[in-house]
C-alpha atoms as a PDB file:
ATOM      1  CA  MET A   1     110.545  97.664 214.441  1.00  0.00           C
ATOM      2  CA  LEU A   2     108.350  99.553 212.988  1.00  0.00           C
ATOM      3  CA  HIS A   3     105.509 101.497 215.012  1.00  0.00           C
ATOM      4  CA  PRO A   4     102.459 100.319 214.080  1.00  0.00           C
ATOM      5  CA  ASN A   5     100.879 103.562 212.523  1.00  0.00           C
ATOM      6  CA  THR A   6     103.620 103.610 209.924  1.00  0.00           C
ATOM      7  CA  ARG A   7     102.479 103.678 206.549  1.00  0.00           C
ATOM      8  CA  HIS A   8     105.207 103.466 204.263  1.00  0.00           C
ATOM      9  CA  ARG A   9     107.861 100.824 204.949  1.00  0.00           C
ATOM     10  CA  SER A  10     111.367 101.632 203.482  1.00  0.00           C
ATOM     11  CA  TRP A  11     113.098  98.696 202.396  1.00  0.00           C
ATOM     12  CA  SER A  12     117.049  98.682 202.733  1.00  0.00           C
ATOM     13  CA  SER A  13     119.495  96.667 200.909  1.00  0.00           C
ATOM     14  CA  ARG A  14     119.663  94.205 203.995  1.00  0.00           C
ATOM     15  CA  HIS A  15     116.038  93.453 203.981  1.00  0.00           C
ATOM     16  CA  VAL A  16     115.991  92.675 200.371  1.00  0.00           C
ATOM     17  CA  ALA A  17     119.055  90.370 200.472  1.00  0.00           C
ATOM     18  CA  LEU A  18     117.967  88.742 203.700  1.00  0.00           C
ATOM     19  CA  SER A  19     114.378  87.900 202.170  1.00  0.00           C
ATOM     20  CA  ALA A  20     115.965  86.872 198.989  1.00  0.00           C
ATOM     21  CA  LEU A  21     118.411  84.585 200.788  1.00  0.00           C
ATOM     22  CA  SER A  22     115.495  83.305 203.032  1.00  0.00           C
ATOM     23  CA  PHE A  23     113.311  82.516 199.767  1.00  0.00           C
ATOM     24  CA  PHE A  24     115.656  80.937 197.514  1.00  0.00           C
ATOM     25  CA  TRP A  25     116.687  78.769 200.756  1.00  0.00           C
ATOM     26  CA  ALA A  26     113.400  77.767 201.770  1.00  0.00           C
ATOM     27  CA  THR A  27     112.731  77.225 197.872  1.00  0.00           C
ATOM     28  CA  ALA A  28     115.738  74.901 197.760  1.00  0.00           C
ATOM     29  CA  MET A  29     114.670  73.022 201.014  1.00  0.00           C
ATOM     30  CA  LEU A  30     111.042  72.843 199.516  1.00  0.00           C
ATOM     31  CA  VAL A  31     112.256  71.183 196.206  1.00  0.00           C
ATOM     32  CA  LEU A  32     114.535  68.630 198.178  1.00  0.00           C
ATOM     33  CA  GLY A  33     111.938  67.870 200.475  1.00  0.00           C
ATOM     34  CA  LEU A  34     109.450  66.959 197.898  1.00  0.00           C
ATOM     35  CA  ARG A  35     112.083  65.156 195.718  1.00  0.00           C
ATOM     36  CA  LEU A  36     112.654  62.774 198.637  1.00  0.00           C
ATOM     37  CA  VAL A  37     108.909  62.423 199.227  1.00  0.00           C
ATOM     38  CA  VAL A  38     108.035  61.276 195.683  1.00  0.00           C
ATOM     39  CA  GLY A  39     111.379  59.262 195.556  1.00  0.00           C
ATOM     40  CA  ALA A  40     113.237  57.594 192.699  1.00  0.00           C
ATOM     41  CA  PRO A  41     110.995  56.475 189.673  1.00  0.00           C
ATOM     42  CA  ASN A  42     112.174  52.934 189.666  1.00  0.00           C
ATOM     43  CA  ALA A  43     113.378  52.727 193.525  1.00  0.00           C
ATOM     44  CA  SER A  44     111.432  50.878 196.166  1.00  0.00           C
ATOM     45  CA  PRO A  45     109.419  53.081 198.637  1.00  0.00           C
ATOM     46  CA  ASN A  46     111.578  54.130 201.674  1.00  0.00           C
ATOM     47  CA  LEU A  47     109.572  55.310 204.642  1.00  0.00           C
ATOM     48  CA  PRO A  48     112.049  57.008 206.381  1.00  0.00           C
ATOM     49  CA  LEU A  49     113.429  59.125 203.402  1.00  0.00           C
ATOM     50  CA  ALA A  50     109.726  60.085 202.699  1.00  0.00           C
ATOM     51  CA  LEU A  51     109.296  61.251 206.180  1.00  0.00           C
ATOM     52  CA  PHE A  52     112.435  63.156 206.378  1.00  0.00           C
ATOM     53  CA  GLY A  53     111.152  64.853 202.930  1.00  0.00           C
ATOM     54  CA  LEU A  54     108.174  65.911 204.658  1.00  0.00           C
ATOM     55  CA  ALA A  55     109.757  67.406 207.483  1.00  0.00           C
ATOM     56  CA  LEU A  56     112.208  69.362 205.273  1.00  0.00           C
ATOM     57  CA  ALA A  57     109.477  70.644 203.457  1.00  0.00           C
ATOM     58  CA  MET A  58     107.946  71.755 206.757  1.00  0.00           C
ATOM     59  CA  ALA A  59     110.705  73.498 207.747  1.00  0.00           C
ATOM     60  CA  ALA A  60     110.912  75.308 204.396  1.00  0.00           C
ATOM     61  CA  LEU A  61     107.412  76.596 204.968  1.00  0.00           C
ATOM     62  CA  ALA A  62     108.275  77.506 208.488  1.00  0.00           C
ATOM     63  CA  LEU A  63     111.278  79.439 207.211  1.00  0.00           C
ATOM     64  CA  PHE A  64     109.504  81.206 204.299  1.00  0.00           C
ATOM     65  CA  ALA A  65     106.376  82.406 206.777  1.00  0.00           C
ATOM     66  CA  GLN A  66     108.842  83.461 209.626  1.00  0.00           C
ATOM     67  CA  GLN A  67     111.779  85.035 207.270  1.00  0.00           C
ATOM     68  CA  VAL A  68     110.015  86.271 204.056  1.00  0.00           C
ATOM     69  CA  ALA A  69     106.365  86.642 204.465  1.00  0.00           C
ATOM     70  CA  ASN A  70     106.806  88.625 207.569  1.00  0.00           C
ATOM     71  CA  ARG A  71     108.585  91.005 205.999  1.00  0.00           C
ATOM     72  CA  LEU A  72     106.249  91.027 203.149  1.00  0.00           C
ATOM     73  CA  PHE A  73     103.280  91.822 204.916  1.00  0.00           C
ATOM     74  CA  PRO A  74     104.233  93.867 208.182  1.00  0.00           C
ATOM     75  CA  ARG A  75     100.213  94.422 208.840  1.00  0.00           C
ATOM     76  CA  ARG A  76      99.463  90.777 208.963  1.00  0.00           C
ATOM     77  CA  SER A  77      97.337  89.334 211.618  1.00  0.00           C
ATOM     78  CA  ARG A  78      99.518  88.267 214.359  1.00  0.00           C
ATOM     79  CA  ARG A  79      97.386  85.534 215.277  1.00  0.00           C
ATOM     80  CA  ILE A  80      97.013  83.825 211.782  1.00  0.00           C
ATOM     81  CA  SER A  81     100.933  84.334 211.360  1.00  0.00           C
ATOM     82  CA  ASP A  82     101.782  82.708 214.803  1.00  0.00           C
ATOM     83  CA  THR A  83      99.263  79.836 214.003  1.00  0.00           C
ATOM     84  CA  VAL A  84     100.933  79.045 210.569  1.00  0.00           C
ATOM     85  CA  GLU A  85     104.520  79.538 212.334  1.00  0.00           C
ATOM     86  CA  LEU A  86     103.423  77.322 215.218  1.00  0.00           C
ATOM     87  CA  THR A  87     101.901  74.825 212.730  1.00  0.00           C
ATOM     88  CA  THR A  88     104.557  74.140 210.439  1.00  0.00           C
ATOM     89  CA  GLY A  89     107.060  73.777 213.290  1.00  0.00           C
ATOM     90  CA  ALA A  90     105.120  71.111 214.924  1.00  0.00           C
ATOM     91  CA  LEU A  91     104.552  69.224 211.947  1.00  0.00           C
ATOM     92  CA  PHE A  92     108.301  69.320 211.307  1.00  0.00           C
ATOM     93  CA  VAL A  93     109.097  67.976 214.657  1.00  0.00           C
ATOM     94  CA  LEU A  94     106.695  65.184 214.362  1.00  0.00           C
ATOM     95  CA  CYS A  95     107.730  64.107 210.768  1.00  0.00           C
ATOM     96  CA  LEU A  96     111.383  64.494 211.905  1.00  0.00           C
ATOM     97  CA  ALA A  97     110.796  62.161 215.049  1.00  0.00           C
ATOM     98  CA  LEU A  98     108.916  59.919 212.773  1.00  0.00           C
ATOM     99  CA  ALA A  99     111.438  59.713 210.291  1.00  0.00           C
ATOM    100  CA  VAL A 100     113.976  59.081 213.314  1.00  0.00           C
ATOM    101  CA  ILE A 101     111.612  56.124 214.486  1.00  0.00           C
ATOM    102  CA  ALA A 102     110.901  54.777 211.132  1.00  0.00           C
ATOM    103  CA  HIS A 103     114.928  54.454 210.499  1.00  0.00           C
ATOM    104  CA  ILE A 104     115.333  52.761 213.713  1.00  0.00           C
ATOM    105  CA  ALA A 105     112.659  50.321 212.962  1.00  0.00           C
ATOM    106  CA  THR A 106     113.758  49.489 209.354  1.00  0.00           C
ATOM    107  CA  TRP A 107     117.568  49.354 210.708  1.00  0.00           C
END
């Protein structure tokens, strides 16, 4: 943990590797989630899959905010950062719960 008055942040190879891995993992989750929301061109709409896709997209945004953005912007506003992380986390849980309910209802 860096001291708040630190002006220079040195990036170790570990920080770069973790940020890159988190970025690509979050990107893959976001693309897959949005693909599930959009669905296949000629397929009938599938509400549980669309809600699961939204949950996956929210998880990707939470992962990006927590693992990448916090490392890139160490002097960020803690209040804004916490609000974004809690909101995306809550939306993830809500979409996942709705996907399970929709799956059970259509089963």
